[in-house]
Amino acid sequence: MNRFLLLPVACMMLLAVWLAWLEDKKAEASDITVQMKSLSYDPRKLEIHVGDSVVWTNQARTAHTATSDDEGKTFDTDEIKPGESSKLVKFEKEGEFKYHCKIHGKSMNGTVVVKPTAEK
């Protein structure tokens, strides 16, 4: 092989590897934010994929929680004060996860729908 062709071929191979790596990064998990407002979550119903994480941000004037309806066994953010955010809650399996605010009751509720990663 001609020495002058070797460098462009090597560059093209590196570019292909780099582009494949970028495509993999796009398919990785995401962090999604749910806002706590007055007595509601925004969005109220959230669709994500397996491996994604959710953080709840309190934009209200009172404290709130995001607690799964199974008495917090699946997730519980604990109390989030106004202007603060929860830790990330990572969803590792598909399903529909209903939740509410322990402080304000089940009238303040939401749902996280976790879909398989392949649908991303």
N, C-alpha and C. Protein backbone atom coordinates (compact mmCIF):
# COMPACT_ATOMS: atom_id res chain seq x y z
N MET A 1 0.85 -1.18 0.00
CA MET A 1 0.00 0.00 0.00
C MET A 1 0.89 1.24 0.00
N ASN A 2 0.49 2.20 -0.73
CA ASN A 2 1.23 3.45 -0.84
C ASN A 2 1.22 4.19 0.50
N ARG A 3 2.38 4.69 0.93
CA ARG A 3 2.48 5.41 2.21
C ARG A 3 1.58 6.63 2.24
N PHE A 4 1.35 7.25 1.13
CA PHE A 4 0.53 8.46 1.08
C PHE A 4 -0.96 8.16 1.27
N LEU A 5 -1.37 6.94 1.01
CA LEU A 5 -2.76 6.55 1.22
C LEU A 5 -3.01 6.10 2.65
N LEU A 6 -1.96 5.71 3.35
CA LEU A 6 -2.10 5.18 4.70
C LEU A 6 -2.67 6.22 5.66
N LEU A 7 -2.21 7.43 5.61
CA LEU A 7 -2.68 8.47 6.54
C LEU A 7 -4.17 8.80 6.32
N PRO A 8 -4.65 9.04 5.10
CA PRO A 8 -6.09 9.30 4.93
C PRO A 8 -6.96 8.11 5.35
N VAL A 9 -6.52 6.89 5.08
CA VAL A 9 -7.29 5.71 5.47
C VAL A 9 -7.36 5.62 6.99
N ALA A 10 -6.25 5.86 7.67
CA ALA A 10 -6.22 5.82 9.14
C ALA A 10 -7.13 6.90 9.70
N CYS A 11 -7.12 8.09 9.11
CA CYS A 11 -7.99 9.17 9.57
C CYS A 11 -9.46 8.82 9.40
N MET A 12 -9.79 8.20 8.27
CA MET A 12 -11.18 7.80 8.04
C MET A 12 -11.62 6.73 9.04
N MET A 13 -10.73 5.82 9.39
CA MET A 13 -11.06 4.79 10.36
C MET A 13 -11.28 5.40 11.74
N LEU A 14 -10.43 6.34 12.13
CA LEU A 14 -10.60 7.02 13.41
C LEU A 14 -11.90 7.81 13.44
N LEU A 15 -12.23 8.45 12.34
CA LEU A 15 -13.48 9.20 12.26
C LEU A 15 -14.68 8.27 12.42
N ALA A 16 -14.64 7.10 11.80
CA ALA A 16 -15.74 6.14 11.91
C ALA A 16 -15.90 5.67 13.35
N VAL A 17 -14.80 5.40 14.03
CA VAL A 17 -14.85 4.99 15.43
C VAL A 17 -15.43 6.10 16.29
N TRP A 18 -15.00 7.34 16.06
CA TRP A 18 -15.48 8.49 16.82
C TRP A 18 -16.99 8.69 16.61
N LEU A 19 -17.45 8.58 15.36
CA LEU A 19 -18.88 8.73 15.08
C LEU A 19 -19.70 7.63 15.74
N ALA A 20 -19.20 6.42 15.76
CA ALA A 20 -19.90 5.32 16.43
C ALA A 20 -19.98 5.59 17.93
N TRP A 21 -18.90 6.12 18.50
CA TRP A 21 -18.89 6.46 19.93
C TRP A 21 -19.93 7.54 20.23
N LEU A 22 -20.03 8.55 19.38
CA LEU A 22 -21.02 9.62 19.57
C LEU A 22 -22.44 9.05 19.51
N GLU A 23 -22.68 8.13 18.60
CA GLU A 23 -24.01 7.53 18.48
C GLU A 23 -24.36 6.75 19.76
N ASP A 24 -23.37 6.06 20.32
CA ASP A 24 -23.59 5.35 21.59
C ASP A 24 -23.93 6.32 22.70
N LYS A 25 -23.28 7.47 22.74
CA LYS A 25 -23.54 8.46 23.80
C LYS A 25 -24.98 8.96 23.72
N LYS A 26 -25.52 9.09 22.53
CA LYS A 26 -26.90 9.54 22.36
C LYS A 26 -27.88 8.54 22.94
N ALA A 27 -27.54 7.24 22.87
CA ALA A 27 -28.44 6.19 23.34
C ALA A 27 -28.36 5.97 24.85
N GLU A 28 -27.40 6.64 25.51
CA GLU A 28 -27.26 6.47 26.95
C GLU A 28 -28.43 7.08 27.71
N ALA A 29 -28.51 6.73 28.97
CA ALA A 29 -29.59 7.20 29.83
C ALA A 29 -29.59 8.72 29.96
N SER A 30 -30.77 9.25 30.26
CA SER A 30 -30.95 10.68 30.41
C SER A 30 -31.39 11.02 31.83
N ASP A 31 -31.19 12.28 32.19
CA ASP A 31 -31.71 12.81 33.45
C ASP A 31 -32.86 13.75 33.10
N ILE A 32 -34.02 13.50 33.69
CA ILE A 32 -35.23 14.27 33.39
C ILE A 32 -35.67 14.98 34.65
N THR A 33 -36.14 16.22 34.50
CA THR A 33 -36.58 17.01 35.64
C THR A 33 -38.09 17.11 35.67
N VAL A 34 -38.66 16.89 36.87
CA VAL A 34 -40.08 17.11 37.13
C VAL A 34 -40.15 18.29 38.09
N GLN A 35 -40.96 19.27 37.76
CA GLN A 35 -41.11 20.44 38.62
C GLN A 35 -42.29 20.25 39.57
N MET A 36 -42.07 20.65 40.81
CA MET A 36 -43.13 20.64 41.81
C MET A 36 -43.65 22.06 41.90
N LYS A 37 -44.94 22.20 41.61
CA LYS A 37 -45.57 23.52 41.63
C LYS A 37 -46.77 23.43 42.56
N SER A 38 -47.02 24.46 43.30
CA SER A 38 -48.18 24.52 44.18
C SER A 38 -48.54 23.14 44.70
N LEU A 39 -49.58 22.52 44.15
CA LEU A 39 -49.98 21.18 44.57
C LEU A 39 -50.00 20.22 43.38
N SER A 40 -49.00 20.34 42.50
CA SER A 40 -48.96 19.46 41.33
C SER A 40 -47.52 19.22 40.88
N TYR A 41 -47.38 18.19 40.05
CA TYR A 41 -46.10 17.87 39.41
C TYR A 41 -46.22 18.23 37.93
N ASP A 42 -45.13 18.72 37.36
CA ASP A 42 -45.13 19.09 35.96
C ASP A 42 -43.90 18.50 35.29
N PRO A 43 -44.06 17.50 34.42
CA PRO A 43 -45.31 16.93 33.96
C PRO A 43 -45.89 15.96 34.99
N ARG A 44 -47.19 15.81 34.92
CA ARG A 44 -47.88 14.90 35.84
C ARG A 44 -47.63 13.44 35.45
N LYS A 45 -47.60 13.19 34.12
CA LYS A 45 -47.27 11.86 33.62
C LYS A 45 -46.00 11.99 32.79
N LEU A 46 -45.02 11.20 33.15
CA LEU A 46 -43.70 11.28 32.52
C LEU A 46 -43.38 9.93 31.89
N GLU A 47 -42.96 9.93 30.63
CA GLU A 47 -42.52 8.71 29.97
C GLU A 47 -41.02 8.76 29.79
N ILE A 48 -40.34 7.74 30.31
CA ILE A 48 -38.89 7.65 30.22
C ILE A 48 -38.52 6.24 29.78
N HIS A 49 -37.21 5.95 29.74
CA HIS A 49 -36.73 4.64 29.36
C HIS A 49 -35.92 4.02 30.49
N VAL A 50 -35.83 2.70 30.48
CA VAL A 50 -35.04 1.99 31.47
C VAL A 50 -33.64 2.59 31.50
N GLY A 51 -33.16 2.89 32.69
CA GLY A 51 -31.83 3.49 32.86
C GLY A 51 -31.85 4.99 33.02
N ASP A 52 -32.98 5.64 32.67
CA ASP A 52 -33.09 7.09 32.84
C ASP A 52 -33.27 7.41 34.32
N SER A 53 -32.93 8.64 34.67
CA SER A 53 -33.08 9.12 36.04
C SER A 53 -33.97 10.35 36.07
N VAL A 54 -34.69 10.50 37.18
CA VAL A 54 -35.59 11.65 37.37
C VAL A 54 -35.13 12.42 38.59
N VAL A 55 -35.18 13.75 38.48
CA VAL A 55 -34.92 14.62 39.62
C VAL A 55 -36.15 15.53 39.77
N TRP A 56 -36.62 15.70 40.99
CA TRP A 56 -37.76 16.57 41.26
C TRP A 56 -37.23 17.88 41.82
N THR A 57 -37.69 19.00 41.23
CA THR A 57 -37.28 20.33 41.64
C THR A 57 -38.49 21.06 42.21
N ASN A 58 -38.36 21.57 43.42
CA ASN A 58 -39.47 22.23 44.10
C ASN A 58 -39.49 23.72 43.77
N GLN A 59 -40.50 24.13 43.02
CA GLN A 59 -40.68 25.53 42.67
C GLN A 59 -41.85 26.15 43.43
N ALA A 60 -42.33 25.44 44.44
CA ALA A 60 -43.46 25.92 45.23
C ALA A 60 -42.96 26.65 46.47
N ARG A 61 -43.90 27.11 47.28
CA ARG A 61 -43.55 27.83 48.51
C ARG A 61 -43.53 26.93 49.73
N THR A 62 -43.92 25.67 49.56
CA THR A 62 -43.91 24.72 50.67
C THR A 62 -43.11 23.49 50.28
N ALA A 63 -42.74 22.70 51.26
CA ALA A 63 -41.99 21.47 51.01
C ALA A 63 -42.91 20.42 50.37
N HIS A 64 -42.30 19.52 49.59
CA HIS A 64 -43.01 18.43 48.94
C HIS A 64 -42.13 17.19 48.98
N THR A 65 -42.73 16.06 48.64
CA THR A 65 -41.98 14.82 48.39
C THR A 65 -42.48 14.23 47.08
N ALA A 66 -41.75 13.27 46.58
CA ALA A 66 -42.21 12.39 45.50
C ALA A 66 -42.00 10.99 46.04
N THR A 67 -43.10 10.35 46.43
CA THR A 67 -43.04 9.06 47.12
C THR A 67 -43.89 8.05 46.36
N SER A 68 -43.29 6.93 45.98
CA SER A 68 -44.04 5.91 45.24
C SER A 68 -45.22 5.42 46.07
N ASP A 69 -46.30 5.06 45.37
CA ASP A 69 -47.53 4.65 46.04
C ASP A 69 -47.42 3.32 46.79
N ASP A 70 -46.29 2.64 46.67
CA ASP A 70 -46.08 1.40 47.43
C ASP A 70 -45.39 1.72 48.76
N GLU A 71 -45.82 2.82 49.36
CA GLU A 71 -45.30 3.31 50.64
C GLU A 71 -43.82 3.65 50.57
N GLY A 72 -43.38 4.09 49.39
CA GLY A 72 -42.01 4.52 49.22
C GLY A 72 -41.00 3.42 49.01
N LYS A 73 -41.45 2.19 48.79
CA LYS A 73 -40.51 1.09 48.60
C LYS A 73 -39.73 1.24 47.29
N THR A 74 -40.40 1.73 46.24
CA THR A 74 -39.73 1.90 44.95
C THR A 74 -38.85 3.15 44.95
N PHE A 75 -39.39 4.26 45.42
CA PHE A 75 -38.58 5.48 45.58
C PHE A 75 -39.26 6.44 46.53
N ASP A 76 -38.47 7.27 47.17
CA ASP A 76 -38.96 8.31 48.07
C ASP A 76 -37.89 9.40 48.12
N THR A 77 -38.23 10.58 47.66
CA THR A 77 -37.25 11.67 47.63
C THR A 77 -37.01 12.29 49.00
N ASP A 78 -37.83 11.94 49.97
CA ASP A 78 -37.84 12.63 51.25
C ASP A 78 -38.28 14.07 51.00
N GLU A 79 -38.29 14.87 52.03
CA GLU A 79 -38.78 16.25 51.91
C GLU A 79 -37.83 17.11 51.09
N ILE A 80 -38.42 17.81 50.12
CA ILE A 80 -37.65 18.73 49.28
C ILE A 80 -38.14 20.14 49.60
N LYS A 81 -37.27 20.96 50.11
CA LYS A 81 -37.65 22.32 50.49
C LYS A 81 -37.79 23.21 49.25
N PRO A 82 -38.52 24.32 49.38
CA PRO A 82 -38.67 25.25 48.24
C PRO A 82 -37.31 25.67 47.69
N GLY A 83 -37.21 25.66 46.35
CA GLY A 83 -35.97 26.07 45.69
C GLY A 83 -34.91 24.98 45.62
N GLU A 84 -35.19 23.80 46.18
CA GLU A 84 -34.20 22.72 46.17
C GLU A 84 -34.66 21.59 45.25
N SER A 85 -33.75 20.63 45.03
CA SER A 85 -34.03 19.48 44.17
C SER A 85 -33.72 18.19 44.91
N SER A 86 -34.35 17.12 44.44
CA SER A 86 -34.08 15.80 45.01
C SER A 86 -32.78 15.25 44.44
N LYS A 87 -32.35 14.15 45.01
CA LYS A 87 -31.27 13.38 44.39
C LYS A 87 -31.88 12.68 43.18
N LEU A 88 -31.03 12.25 42.27
CA LEU A 88 -31.50 11.51 41.10
C LEU A 88 -32.11 10.19 41.52
N VAL A 89 -33.24 9.84 40.92
CA VAL A 89 -33.87 8.54 41.13
C VAL A 89 -33.77 7.81 39.79
N LYS A 90 -33.00 6.73 39.78
CA LYS A 90 -32.77 5.97 38.55
C LYS A 90 -33.79 4.83 38.45
N PHE A 91 -34.39 4.68 37.28
CA PHE A 91 -35.39 3.64 37.05
C PHE A 91 -34.75 2.51 36.24
N GLU A 92 -34.60 1.36 36.88
CA GLU A 92 -33.87 0.23 36.30
C GLU A 92 -34.77 -0.80 35.62
N LYS A 93 -36.09 -0.71 35.83
CA LYS A 93 -36.97 -1.69 35.20
C LYS A 93 -38.19 -0.98 34.63
N GLU A 94 -38.77 -1.61 33.60
CA GLU A 94 -39.93 -1.00 32.96
C GLU A 94 -41.18 -1.19 33.81
N GLY A 95 -42.15 -0.33 33.57
CA GLY A 95 -43.40 -0.41 34.30
C GLY A 95 -44.00 0.97 34.49
N GLU A 96 -45.11 1.00 35.21
CA GLU A 96 -45.79 2.27 35.51
C GLU A 96 -45.70 2.49 37.02
N PHE A 97 -45.11 3.60 37.42
CA PHE A 97 -44.88 3.88 38.82
C PHE A 97 -45.65 5.14 39.23
N LYS A 98 -46.69 4.93 40.01
CA LYS A 98 -47.50 6.05 40.50
C LYS A 98 -46.87 6.56 41.79
N TYR A 99 -46.97 7.88 42.00
CA TYR A 99 -46.39 8.47 43.20
C TYR A 99 -47.22 9.65 43.66
N HIS A 100 -46.91 10.14 44.85
CA HIS A 100 -47.66 11.25 45.45
C HIS A 100 -46.75 12.01 46.41
N CYS A 101 -47.28 13.09 46.96
CA CYS A 101 -46.58 13.88 47.97
C CYS A 101 -47.05 13.41 49.34
N LYS A 102 -46.12 12.95 50.17
CA LYS A 102 -46.49 12.49 51.52
C LYS A 102 -47.06 13.63 52.36
N ILE A 103 -46.66 14.85 52.08
CA ILE A 103 -47.10 16.00 52.88
C ILE A 103 -48.53 16.40 52.51
N HIS A 104 -48.83 16.40 51.20
CA HIS A 104 -50.13 16.90 50.73
C HIS A 104 -51.11 15.81 50.32
N GLY A 105 -50.71 14.56 50.41
CA GLY A 105 -51.63 13.46 50.13
C GLY A 105 -51.68 13.08 48.66
N LYS A 106 -52.51 12.10 48.38
CA LYS A 106 -52.59 11.53 47.04
C LYS A 106 -53.32 12.41 46.03
N SER A 107 -53.85 13.55 46.47
CA SER A 107 -54.43 14.49 45.49
C SER A 107 -53.31 15.17 44.70
N MET A 108 -52.10 15.19 45.26
CA MET A 108 -50.92 15.67 44.53
C MET A 108 -50.20 14.40 44.07
N ASN A 109 -50.43 14.02 42.80
CA ASN A 109 -49.92 12.74 42.33
C ASN A 109 -49.33 12.84 40.94
N GLY A 110 -48.58 11.82 40.59
CA GLY A 110 -47.98 11.74 39.27
C GLY A 110 -47.69 10.30 38.91
N THR A 111 -47.24 10.10 37.68
CA THR A 111 -46.91 8.76 37.19
C THR A 111 -45.65 8.82 36.36
N VAL A 112 -44.77 7.85 36.58
CA VAL A 112 -43.59 7.68 35.73
C VAL A 112 -43.78 6.37 34.98
N VAL A 113 -43.81 6.46 33.66
CA VAL A 113 -43.95 5.27 32.80
C VAL A 113 -42.56 4.98 32.23
N VAL A 114 -42.04 3.81 32.56
CA VAL A 114 -40.70 3.43 32.12
C VAL A 114 -40.82 2.40 31.01
N LYS A 115 -40.30 2.76 29.85
CA LYS A 115 -40.35 1.91 28.66
C LYS A 115 -39.01 1.21 28.43
N PRO A 116 -39.02 0.13 27.67
CA PRO A 116 -37.74 -0.55 27.38
C PRO A 116 -36.78 0.38 26.65
N THR A 117 -35.51 0.18 26.85
CA THR A 117 -34.47 1.01 26.24
C THR A 117 -34.53 0.96 24.72
N ALA A 118 -34.92 -0.16 24.15
CA ALA A 118 -34.96 -0.33 22.69
C ALA A 118 -35.89 0.67 22.02
N GLU A 119 -36.87 1.21 22.75
CA GLU A 119 -37.82 2.16 22.15
C GLU A 119 -37.28 3.57 22.13
N LYS A 120 -36.08 3.79 22.63
CA LYS A 120 -35.51 5.13 22.75
C LYS A 120 -35.35 5.83 21.45
